[in-house]
N, C-alpha and C. Protein backbone atom coordinates (compact mmCIF):
# COMPACT_ATOMS: atom_id res chain seq x y z
N MET A 1 35.02 -36.54 33.05
CA MET A 1 36.03 -35.52 33.18
C MET A 1 35.84 -34.41 32.14
N ASN A 2 35.47 -34.78 30.96
CA ASN A 2 35.22 -33.82 29.90
C ASN A 2 34.00 -32.95 30.23
N PHE A 3 32.99 -33.56 30.84
CA PHE A 3 31.78 -32.83 31.22
C PHE A 3 32.07 -31.79 32.29
N LYS A 4 33.01 -32.08 33.21
CA LYS A 4 33.38 -31.12 34.25
C LYS A 4 34.03 -29.88 33.65
N LYS A 5 34.83 -30.07 32.63
CA LYS A 5 35.46 -28.92 31.98
C LYS A 5 34.41 -28.05 31.29
N ILE A 6 33.45 -28.69 30.66
CA ILE A 6 32.37 -27.93 30.00
C ILE A 6 31.55 -27.19 31.04
N LYS A 7 31.26 -27.83 32.16
CA LYS A 7 30.48 -27.21 33.23
C LYS A 7 31.19 -26.01 33.84
N GLU A 8 32.49 -26.06 33.90
CA GLU A 8 33.26 -24.97 34.50
C GLU A 8 33.48 -23.81 33.51
N ASN A 9 33.17 -24.03 32.28
CA ASN A 9 33.34 -22.98 31.27
C ASN A 9 32.39 -21.82 31.59
N LYS A 10 32.91 -20.59 31.47
CA LYS A 10 32.13 -19.39 31.83
C LYS A 10 30.91 -19.22 30.92
N ILE A 11 31.08 -19.47 29.66
CA ILE A 11 29.96 -19.30 28.71
C ILE A 11 28.87 -20.32 29.02
N PHE A 12 29.23 -21.53 29.30
CA PHE A 12 28.25 -22.56 29.62
C PHE A 12 27.47 -22.19 30.88
N ARG A 13 28.16 -21.64 31.87
CA ARG A 13 27.48 -21.24 33.10
C ARG A 13 26.47 -20.11 32.84
N ILE A 14 26.84 -19.19 31.97
CA ILE A 14 25.91 -18.09 31.67
C ILE A 14 24.71 -18.60 30.88
N VAL A 15 24.97 -19.43 29.87
CA VAL A 15 23.89 -19.95 29.02
C VAL A 15 22.99 -20.89 29.79
N SER A 16 23.52 -21.64 30.72
CA SER A 16 22.70 -22.60 31.47
C SER A 16 22.00 -21.97 32.66
N ASN A 17 22.18 -20.68 32.87
CA ASN A 17 21.49 -19.99 33.96
C ASN A 17 19.98 -19.99 33.67
N LYS A 18 19.17 -20.28 34.67
CA LYS A 18 17.73 -20.40 34.44
C LYS A 18 17.11 -19.07 34.01
N TYR A 19 17.64 -17.96 34.46
CA TYR A 19 17.10 -16.66 34.07
C TYR A 19 17.42 -16.34 32.61
N VAL A 20 18.58 -16.72 32.17
CA VAL A 20 18.94 -16.53 30.76
C VAL A 20 18.08 -17.41 29.88
N ILE A 21 17.84 -18.62 30.28
CA ILE A 21 16.99 -19.54 29.51
C ILE A 21 15.57 -18.99 29.42
N ILE A 22 15.06 -18.52 30.55
CA ILE A 22 13.70 -17.95 30.56
C ILE A 22 13.64 -16.70 29.69
N LEU A 23 14.66 -15.86 29.77
CA LEU A 23 14.70 -14.65 28.94
C LEU A 23 14.73 -15.00 27.46
N VAL A 24 15.52 -15.97 27.06
CA VAL A 24 15.60 -16.38 25.65
C VAL A 24 14.25 -16.94 25.19
N LEU A 25 13.65 -17.77 26.01
CA LEU A 25 12.34 -18.31 25.66
C LEU A 25 11.30 -17.20 25.53
N PHE A 26 11.34 -16.22 26.42
CA PHE A 26 10.41 -15.10 26.37
C PHE A 26 10.59 -14.29 25.08
N VAL A 27 11.85 -14.01 24.73
CA VAL A 27 12.12 -13.23 23.52
C VAL A 27 11.67 -13.99 22.27
N VAL A 28 11.92 -15.29 22.23
CA VAL A 28 11.48 -16.09 21.09
C VAL A 28 9.96 -16.12 21.01
N TRP A 29 9.32 -16.30 22.14
CA TRP A 29 7.85 -16.33 22.16
C TRP A 29 7.27 -15.00 21.69
N MET A 30 7.76 -13.90 22.22
CA MET A 30 7.24 -12.58 21.86
C MET A 30 7.60 -12.22 20.41
N GLY A 31 8.72 -12.72 19.93
CA GLY A 31 9.14 -12.38 18.58
C GLY A 31 8.40 -13.13 17.49
N PHE A 32 7.96 -14.35 17.77
CA PHE A 32 7.41 -15.17 16.70
C PHE A 32 6.03 -15.76 16.96
N PHE A 33 5.72 -16.09 18.21
CA PHE A 33 4.51 -16.86 18.46
C PHE A 33 3.35 -16.07 19.07
N ASP A 34 3.61 -14.96 19.69
CA ASP A 34 2.56 -14.20 20.37
C ASP A 34 1.66 -13.51 19.35
N GLU A 35 0.46 -13.17 19.79
CA GLU A 35 -0.49 -12.46 18.93
C GLU A 35 0.07 -11.11 18.49
N ASN A 36 0.83 -10.47 19.34
CA ASN A 36 1.43 -9.17 19.02
C ASN A 36 2.91 -9.32 18.69
N SER A 37 3.24 -10.34 17.95
CA SER A 37 4.64 -10.63 17.66
C SER A 37 5.23 -9.64 16.66
N PHE A 38 6.53 -9.71 16.55
CA PHE A 38 7.25 -8.85 15.61
C PHE A 38 6.77 -9.11 14.18
N LEU A 39 6.52 -10.35 13.83
CA LEU A 39 6.07 -10.68 12.48
C LEU A 39 4.70 -10.09 12.18
N ASN A 40 3.80 -10.15 13.15
CA ASN A 40 2.47 -9.55 12.97
C ASN A 40 2.58 -8.04 12.81
N HIS A 41 3.43 -7.42 13.61
CA HIS A 41 3.61 -5.97 13.50
C HIS A 41 4.17 -5.59 12.14
N ARG A 42 5.10 -6.39 11.63
CA ARG A 42 5.68 -6.11 10.32
C ARG A 42 4.62 -6.20 9.22
N GLU A 43 3.77 -7.22 9.28
CA GLU A 43 2.69 -7.37 8.30
C GLU A 43 1.71 -6.21 8.39
N LEU A 44 1.37 -5.82 9.61
CA LEU A 44 0.44 -4.71 9.79
C LEU A 44 1.05 -3.39 9.31
N ASP A 45 2.34 -3.19 9.53
CA ASP A 45 3.00 -1.98 9.03
C ASP A 45 2.99 -1.94 7.51
N GLN A 46 3.19 -3.08 6.88
CA GLN A 46 3.14 -3.13 5.42
C GLN A 46 1.73 -2.82 4.92
N GLU A 47 0.73 -3.32 5.59
CA GLU A 47 -0.65 -3.04 5.21
C GLU A 47 -0.97 -1.56 5.40
N ILE A 48 -0.47 -0.97 6.48
CA ILE A 48 -0.68 0.45 6.71
C ILE A 48 -0.04 1.26 5.60
N ASP A 49 1.17 0.89 5.17
CA ASP A 49 1.83 1.59 4.08
C ASP A 49 1.02 1.52 2.79
N LYS A 50 0.47 0.34 2.49
CA LYS A 50 -0.36 0.20 1.29
C LYS A 50 -1.60 1.08 1.38
N LEU A 51 -2.23 1.10 2.55
CA LEU A 51 -3.44 1.90 2.72
C LEU A 51 -3.14 3.39 2.64
N GLU A 52 -1.99 3.81 3.15
CA GLU A 52 -1.61 5.22 3.05
C GLU A 52 -1.34 5.60 1.59
N ASP A 53 -0.72 4.70 0.84
CA ASP A 53 -0.50 4.96 -0.59
C ASP A 53 -1.83 5.08 -1.33
N ALA A 54 -2.75 4.18 -1.01
CA ALA A 54 -4.08 4.24 -1.63
C ALA A 54 -4.79 5.52 -1.24
N ASN A 55 -4.63 5.94 0.00
CA ASN A 55 -5.25 7.18 0.47
C ASN A 55 -4.71 8.38 -0.31
N ASP A 56 -3.39 8.43 -0.52
CA ASP A 56 -2.80 9.51 -1.30
C ASP A 56 -3.31 9.50 -2.74
N TYR A 57 -3.40 8.30 -3.33
CA TYR A 57 -3.90 8.19 -4.71
C TYR A 57 -5.32 8.73 -4.81
N TYR A 58 -6.19 8.34 -3.88
CA TYR A 58 -7.57 8.79 -3.95
C TYR A 58 -7.70 10.28 -3.66
N LYS A 59 -6.84 10.83 -2.82
CA LYS A 59 -6.86 12.28 -2.60
C LYS A 59 -6.49 13.02 -3.87
N LYS A 60 -5.51 12.50 -4.61
CA LYS A 60 -5.12 13.13 -5.88
C LYS A 60 -6.26 13.03 -6.89
N GLN A 61 -6.94 11.88 -6.90
CA GLN A 61 -8.07 11.71 -7.81
C GLN A 61 -9.21 12.67 -7.45
N ILE A 62 -9.44 12.86 -6.17
CA ILE A 62 -10.48 13.79 -5.72
C ILE A 62 -10.13 15.21 -6.16
N ASP A 63 -8.86 15.59 -6.01
CA ASP A 63 -8.43 16.93 -6.45
C ASP A 63 -8.62 17.10 -7.95
N ALA A 64 -8.27 16.08 -8.73
CA ALA A 64 -8.44 16.16 -10.18
C ALA A 64 -9.92 16.26 -10.55
N ASP A 65 -10.75 15.46 -9.89
CA ASP A 65 -12.20 15.52 -10.16
C ASP A 65 -12.80 16.85 -9.73
N GLN A 66 -12.28 17.40 -8.66
CA GLN A 66 -12.77 18.71 -8.20
C GLN A 66 -12.44 19.78 -9.23
N LYS A 67 -11.27 19.69 -9.85
CA LYS A 67 -10.91 20.65 -10.91
C LYS A 67 -11.85 20.52 -12.09
N VAL A 68 -12.21 19.27 -12.45
CA VAL A 68 -13.14 19.06 -13.56
C VAL A 68 -14.51 19.62 -13.20
N ILE A 69 -14.95 19.41 -11.98
CA ILE A 69 -16.25 19.93 -11.55
C ILE A 69 -16.24 21.45 -11.57
N ASP A 70 -15.15 22.05 -11.07
CA ASP A 70 -15.07 23.51 -11.11
C ASP A 70 -15.07 24.02 -12.54
N ASN A 71 -14.42 23.28 -13.42
CA ASN A 71 -14.37 23.67 -14.83
C ASN A 71 -15.75 23.55 -15.48
N LEU A 72 -16.56 22.61 -15.03
CA LEU A 72 -17.89 22.41 -15.62
C LEU A 72 -18.90 23.46 -15.18
N ASN A 73 -18.56 24.30 -14.24
CA ASN A 73 -19.46 25.39 -13.85
C ASN A 73 -19.57 26.44 -14.94
N ASP A 74 -18.60 26.52 -15.83
CA ASP A 74 -18.64 27.43 -16.97
C ASP A 74 -19.49 26.79 -18.06
N PRO A 75 -20.50 27.49 -18.59
CA PRO A 75 -21.39 26.87 -19.60
C PRO A 75 -20.64 26.41 -20.86
N ASP A 76 -19.65 27.17 -21.30
CA ASP A 76 -18.91 26.76 -22.50
C ASP A 76 -18.13 25.47 -22.24
N SER A 77 -17.52 25.38 -21.09
CA SER A 77 -16.78 24.17 -20.74
C SER A 77 -17.72 22.98 -20.59
N LEU A 78 -18.90 23.23 -20.04
CA LEU A 78 -19.89 22.17 -19.88
C LEU A 78 -20.33 21.64 -21.24
N GLU A 79 -20.57 22.55 -22.18
CA GLU A 79 -20.97 22.13 -23.52
C GLU A 79 -19.85 21.33 -24.20
N LYS A 80 -18.62 21.81 -24.08
CA LYS A 80 -17.48 21.11 -24.67
C LYS A 80 -17.34 19.71 -24.07
N TYR A 81 -17.47 19.61 -22.77
CA TYR A 81 -17.37 18.31 -22.10
C TYR A 81 -18.48 17.36 -22.57
N ALA A 82 -19.72 17.88 -22.66
CA ALA A 82 -20.84 17.05 -23.10
C ALA A 82 -20.64 16.58 -24.53
N ARG A 83 -20.12 17.43 -25.39
CA ARG A 83 -19.90 17.05 -26.78
C ARG A 83 -18.79 16.00 -26.89
N GLU A 84 -17.71 16.18 -26.13
CA GLU A 84 -16.57 15.27 -26.25
C GLU A 84 -16.81 13.93 -25.57
N GLU A 85 -17.39 13.95 -24.40
CA GLU A 85 -17.52 12.73 -23.62
C GLU A 85 -18.79 11.94 -23.94
N TYR A 86 -19.88 12.65 -24.15
CA TYR A 86 -21.17 11.97 -24.31
C TYR A 86 -21.73 12.09 -25.73
N LYS A 87 -20.95 12.65 -26.65
CA LYS A 87 -21.32 12.77 -28.06
C LYS A 87 -22.68 13.46 -28.23
N MET A 88 -22.93 14.48 -27.42
CA MET A 88 -24.17 15.24 -27.53
C MET A 88 -24.05 16.26 -28.65
N LYS A 89 -25.21 16.66 -29.14
CA LYS A 89 -25.21 17.63 -30.24
C LYS A 89 -26.41 18.55 -30.11
N LYS A 90 -26.34 19.64 -30.85
CA LYS A 90 -27.48 20.56 -30.89
C LYS A 90 -28.47 20.05 -31.93
N GLU A 91 -29.69 20.61 -31.90
CA GLU A 91 -30.67 20.20 -32.90
C GLU A 91 -30.19 20.64 -34.28
N ASN A 92 -30.56 19.89 -35.28
CA ASN A 92 -30.20 20.16 -36.68
C ASN A 92 -28.68 20.23 -36.86
N GLU A 93 -27.96 19.39 -36.14
CA GLU A 93 -26.51 19.38 -36.26
C GLU A 93 -26.07 17.93 -36.47
N ASP A 94 -25.16 17.73 -37.37
CA ASP A 94 -24.63 16.40 -37.61
C ASP A 94 -23.23 16.31 -37.01
N ILE A 95 -22.94 15.15 -36.45
CA ILE A 95 -21.63 14.93 -35.85
C ILE A 95 -20.98 13.76 -36.57
N PHE A 96 -19.73 13.95 -36.93
CA PHE A 96 -18.96 12.89 -37.54
C PHE A 96 -17.84 12.52 -36.57
N ILE A 97 -17.78 11.27 -36.20
CA ILE A 97 -16.76 10.81 -35.27
C ILE A 97 -15.69 10.09 -36.08
N ILE A 98 -14.49 10.58 -35.99
CA ILE A 98 -13.38 10.00 -36.73
C ILE A 98 -12.49 9.26 -35.74
N GLU A 99 -12.35 7.98 -35.96
CA GLU A 99 -11.49 7.18 -35.10
C GLU A 99 -10.29 6.74 -35.91
N TYR A 100 -9.13 6.87 -35.34
CA TYR A 100 -7.91 6.49 -36.02
C TYR A 100 -7.49 5.11 -35.56
N ASP A 101 -7.06 4.31 -36.52
CA ASP A 101 -6.55 2.98 -36.21
C ASP A 101 -5.06 3.13 -35.92
N THR A 102 -4.68 2.89 -34.69
CA THR A 102 -3.30 3.10 -34.28
C THR A 102 -2.61 1.77 -34.05
N ILE A 103 -2.24 1.12 -35.13
CA ILE A 103 -1.51 -0.13 -35.04
C ILE A 103 -0.04 0.18 -35.23
N GLU A 104 0.75 -0.22 -34.26
CA GLU A 104 2.18 0.04 -34.35
C GLU A 104 2.86 -1.07 -35.12
N GLU A 105 3.70 -0.68 -36.04
CA GLU A 105 4.44 -1.66 -36.82
C GLU A 105 5.91 -1.52 -36.52
N ASP A 106 6.57 -2.67 -36.41
CA ASP A 106 8.02 -2.63 -36.12
C ASP A 106 8.81 -2.43 -37.37
């Protein structure tokens, strides 16, 4: 008698409909288990975001390097860069490199 009342319930009739059951199974399958599932798309979107961030970073680095290259076309800038970065010197010239010890004390 109790089972008949449950069977006559409107919600039970809707949930026990074979089309609703198939639809729920389809949604669960597509959402979690399929190769093109929602979870896979979310992971791929996160990877795309990381790659786009890396792309922006490298574009900024290329722009900065291009500015340095353009700056090195000037002979004076080229000499300054060679002296500072590669410790180059002219003949009969002595270079003294002074390094500061930067220990922070509390």
